[in-house]
Amino acid sequence: MKNNKNNLHETQTSRMESVSSFHPLFEDAQRIEGGGVPQKVIWHTLPKGIRVIGYIFTGLVVAMLLIALSTNFY
């Protein structure tokens, strides 16, 4: 088997794949952490406990906004 510099391990990303539209200051940190480009959170794939905490937090934020808006009108 030849040792070619262009061969990458399957877990390595090429330089072109790591370029993203995200803030350029974070590119080094993303490469070091091995996370790649930021991805959207898919809620239904998270564990049930984290989803429940997320739904409670979102509900509390919405409730606080509604309470703040309703008290400003009186």
N, C-alpha and C. Protein backbone atom coordinates (compact mmCIF):
# COMPACT_ATOMS: atom_id res chain seq x y z
N MET A 1 0.84 -1.17 0.00
CA MET A 1 0.00 0.00 0.00
C MET A 1 0.88 1.24 0.00
N LYS A 2 0.61 2.17 -0.87
CA LYS A 2 1.40 3.39 -0.98
C LYS A 2 1.01 4.39 0.10
N ASN A 3 1.99 5.13 0.54
CA ASN A 3 1.73 6.19 1.50
C ASN A 3 1.62 7.51 0.72
N ASN A 4 0.43 7.89 0.40
CA ASN A 4 0.18 9.08 -0.40
C ASN A 4 -0.34 10.19 0.52
N LYS A 5 0.19 11.40 0.35
CA LYS A 5 -0.22 12.51 1.20
C LYS A 5 -1.67 12.93 0.96
N ASN A 6 -2.22 12.58 -0.19
CA ASN A 6 -3.60 12.95 -0.50
C ASN A 6 -4.61 12.02 0.13
N ASN A 7 -4.15 10.89 0.65
CA ASN A 7 -5.07 9.96 1.29
C ASN A 7 -5.42 10.49 2.68
N LEU A 8 -6.70 10.54 2.95
CA LEU A 8 -7.17 10.97 4.26
C LEU A 8 -7.84 9.79 4.95
N HIS A 9 -7.73 9.77 6.26
CA HIS A 9 -8.45 8.77 7.02
C HIS A 9 -9.94 9.10 6.93
N GLU A 10 -10.79 8.10 7.10
CA GLU A 10 -12.22 8.33 6.93
C GLU A 10 -12.79 9.31 7.96
N THR A 11 -12.12 9.50 9.09
CA THR A 11 -12.61 10.44 10.09
C THR A 11 -12.08 11.85 9.89
N GLN A 12 -11.13 12.03 8.99
CA GLN A 12 -10.58 13.35 8.74
C GLN A 12 -11.40 14.06 7.67
N THR A 13 -11.51 15.38 7.85
CA THR A 13 -12.20 16.17 6.84
C THR A 13 -11.16 16.93 6.03
N SER A 14 -11.46 17.11 4.78
CA SER A 14 -10.54 17.89 3.96
C SER A 14 -10.73 19.36 4.29
N ARG A 15 -9.81 20.17 3.88
CA ARG A 15 -9.86 21.62 4.16
C ARG A 15 -11.09 22.25 3.52
N MET A 16 -11.48 21.77 2.35
CA MET A 16 -12.63 22.35 1.66
C MET A 16 -13.93 22.05 2.39
N GLU A 17 -14.02 20.89 3.04
CA GLU A 17 -15.24 20.53 3.76
C GLU A 17 -15.40 21.33 5.04
N SER A 18 -14.30 21.79 5.61
CA SER A 18 -14.39 22.49 6.89
C SER A 18 -14.72 23.96 6.73
N VAL A 19 -14.72 24.49 5.52
CA VAL A 19 -15.06 25.88 5.30
C VAL A 19 -16.57 26.04 5.42
N SER A 20 -16.98 27.00 6.22
CA SER A 20 -18.41 27.20 6.42
C SER A 20 -18.74 28.68 6.35
N SER A 21 -20.02 28.98 6.36
CA SER A 21 -20.44 30.37 6.35
C SER A 21 -20.52 30.92 7.77
N PHE A 22 -20.11 30.10 8.75
CA PHE A 22 -20.11 30.53 10.14
C PHE A 22 -18.97 31.52 10.35
N HIS A 23 -18.93 32.15 11.48
CA HIS A 23 -17.93 33.17 11.78
C HIS A 23 -16.52 32.60 11.64
N PRO A 24 -15.63 33.25 10.88
CA PRO A 24 -14.31 32.67 10.59
C PRO A 24 -13.41 32.54 11.81
N LEU A 25 -13.68 33.27 12.88
CA LEU A 25 -12.85 33.15 14.07
C LEU A 25 -13.02 31.80 14.76
N PHE A 26 -14.12 31.12 14.50
CA PHE A 26 -14.39 29.85 15.16
C PHE A 26 -13.91 28.65 14.35
N GLU A 27 -13.35 28.86 13.16
CA GLU A 27 -12.93 27.73 12.34
C GLU A 27 -11.86 26.89 13.01
N ASP A 28 -10.88 27.53 13.66
CA ASP A 28 -9.83 26.77 14.33
C ASP A 28 -10.41 25.94 15.48
N ALA A 29 -11.30 26.54 16.26
CA ALA A 29 -11.90 25.83 17.38
C ALA A 29 -12.72 24.65 16.89
N GLN A 30 -13.45 24.82 15.79
CA GLN A 30 -14.24 23.73 15.24
C GLN A 30 -13.34 22.60 14.74
N ARG A 31 -12.23 22.96 14.12
CA ARG A 31 -11.32 21.94 13.62
C ARG A 31 -10.67 21.19 14.78
N ILE A 32 -10.31 21.90 15.85
CA ILE A 32 -9.68 21.27 17.00
C ILE A 32 -10.66 20.33 17.69
N GLU A 33 -11.90 20.78 17.85
CA GLU A 33 -12.90 19.96 18.52
C GLU A 33 -13.41 18.82 17.66
N GLY A 34 -13.20 18.92 16.37
CA GLY A 34 -13.64 17.86 15.47
C GLY A 34 -15.12 17.87 15.20
N GLY A 35 -15.78 18.97 15.50
CA GLY A 35 -17.23 19.04 15.32
C GLY A 35 -17.66 19.36 13.92
N GLY A 36 -16.79 19.91 13.11
CA GLY A 36 -17.17 20.30 11.76
C GLY A 36 -18.02 21.55 11.78
N VAL A 37 -18.84 21.68 10.78
CA VAL A 37 -19.69 22.86 10.68
C VAL A 37 -20.85 22.74 11.67
N PRO A 38 -21.36 23.87 12.18
CA PRO A 38 -22.51 23.81 13.09
C PRO A 38 -23.73 23.22 12.39
N GLN A 39 -24.47 22.42 13.12
CA GLN A 39 -25.64 21.78 12.56
C GLN A 39 -26.87 22.15 13.37
N LYS A 40 -28.03 22.09 12.72
CA LYS A 40 -29.29 22.34 13.42
C LYS A 40 -29.55 21.24 14.42
N VAL A 41 -30.23 21.60 15.51
CA VAL A 41 -30.62 20.61 16.51
C VAL A 41 -31.90 19.94 16.04
N ILE A 42 -31.89 18.62 16.00
CA ILE A 42 -33.08 17.86 15.65
C ILE A 42 -33.68 17.37 16.96
N TRP A 43 -34.76 18.02 17.38
CA TRP A 43 -35.30 17.79 18.72
C TRP A 43 -35.75 16.36 18.97
N HIS A 44 -36.35 15.71 17.98
CA HIS A 44 -36.89 14.37 18.23
C HIS A 44 -35.80 13.32 18.36
N THR A 45 -34.55 13.65 18.09
CA THR A 45 -33.47 12.68 18.26
C THR A 45 -32.78 12.82 19.61
N LEU A 46 -33.11 13.86 20.37
CA LEU A 46 -32.50 14.05 21.68
C LEU A 46 -33.12 13.11 22.70
N PRO A 47 -32.41 12.81 23.79
CA PRO A 47 -32.99 11.99 24.85
C PRO A 47 -34.23 12.67 25.45
N LYS A 48 -35.13 11.87 25.97
CA LYS A 48 -36.42 12.36 26.45
C LYS A 48 -36.25 13.42 27.54
N GLY A 49 -35.34 13.23 28.47
CA GLY A 49 -35.15 14.20 29.56
C GLY A 49 -34.73 15.57 29.05
N ILE A 50 -33.83 15.60 28.09
CA ILE A 50 -33.37 16.88 27.54
C ILE A 50 -34.49 17.55 26.76
N ARG A 51 -35.29 16.75 26.04
CA ARG A 51 -36.43 17.33 25.31
C ARG A 51 -37.42 17.95 26.27
N VAL A 52 -37.71 17.26 27.39
CA VAL A 52 -38.67 17.78 28.38
C VAL A 52 -38.14 19.09 28.96
N ILE A 53 -36.87 19.13 29.31
CA ILE A 53 -36.29 20.36 29.85
C ILE A 53 -36.37 21.48 28.81
N GLY A 54 -36.10 21.17 27.56
CA GLY A 54 -36.19 22.17 26.49
C GLY A 54 -37.60 22.69 26.31
N TYR A 55 -38.59 21.78 26.35
CA TYR A 55 -39.98 22.20 26.20
C TYR A 55 -40.43 23.05 27.39
N ILE A 56 -40.01 22.68 28.60
CA ILE A 56 -40.36 23.46 29.79
C ILE A 56 -39.74 24.85 29.70
N PHE A 57 -38.47 24.92 29.32
CA PHE A 57 -37.79 26.21 29.20
C PHE A 57 -38.47 27.08 28.14
N THR A 58 -38.79 26.49 27.00
CA THR A 58 -39.46 27.24 25.93
C THR A 58 -40.83 27.72 26.39
N GLY A 59 -41.57 26.87 27.09
CA GLY A 59 -42.88 27.25 27.61
C GLY A 59 -42.79 28.39 28.62
N LEU A 60 -41.78 28.34 29.48
CA LEU A 60 -41.60 29.41 30.47
C LEU A 60 -41.25 30.74 29.80
N VAL A 61 -40.42 30.69 28.77
CA VAL A 61 -40.06 31.92 28.06
C VAL A 61 -41.28 32.52 27.38
N VAL A 62 -42.08 31.68 26.74
CA VAL A 62 -43.30 32.17 26.08
C VAL A 62 -44.27 32.74 27.11
N ALA A 63 -44.43 32.04 28.24
CA ALA A 63 -45.33 32.52 29.29
C ALA A 63 -44.86 33.86 29.85
N MET A 64 -43.55 34.02 30.07
CA MET A 64 -43.03 35.29 30.57
C MET A 64 -43.26 36.41 29.57
N LEU A 65 -43.09 36.12 28.29
CA LEU A 65 -43.34 37.14 27.27
C LEU A 65 -44.82 37.54 27.24
N LEU A 66 -45.71 36.55 27.34
CA LEU A 66 -47.13 36.86 27.35
C LEU A 66 -47.52 37.67 28.58
N ILE A 67 -46.98 37.31 29.73
CA ILE A 67 -47.27 38.06 30.96
C ILE A 67 -46.74 39.48 30.85
N ALA A 68 -45.52 39.63 30.33
CA ALA A 68 -44.94 40.97 30.18
C ALA A 68 -45.75 41.81 29.22
N LEU A 69 -46.18 41.24 28.13
CA LEU A 69 -47.00 41.99 27.17
C LEU A 69 -48.37 42.35 27.73
N SER A 70 -48.98 41.43 28.48
CA SER A 70 -50.31 41.70 29.01
C SER A 70 -50.27 42.74 30.13
N THR A 71 -49.21 42.79 30.91
CA THR A 71 -49.14 43.80 31.99
C THR A 71 -48.79 45.19 31.45
N ASN A 72 -48.20 45.27 30.28
CA ASN A 72 -47.87 46.58 29.72
C ASN A 72 -49.08 47.29 29.14
N PHE A 73 -50.15 46.55 28.85
CA PHE A 73 -51.32 47.18 28.25
C PHE A 73 -52.25 47.80 29.29
N TYR A 74 -52.07 47.53 30.58
CA TYR A 74 -52.95 48.09 31.62
C TYR A 74 -52.32 49.21 32.37
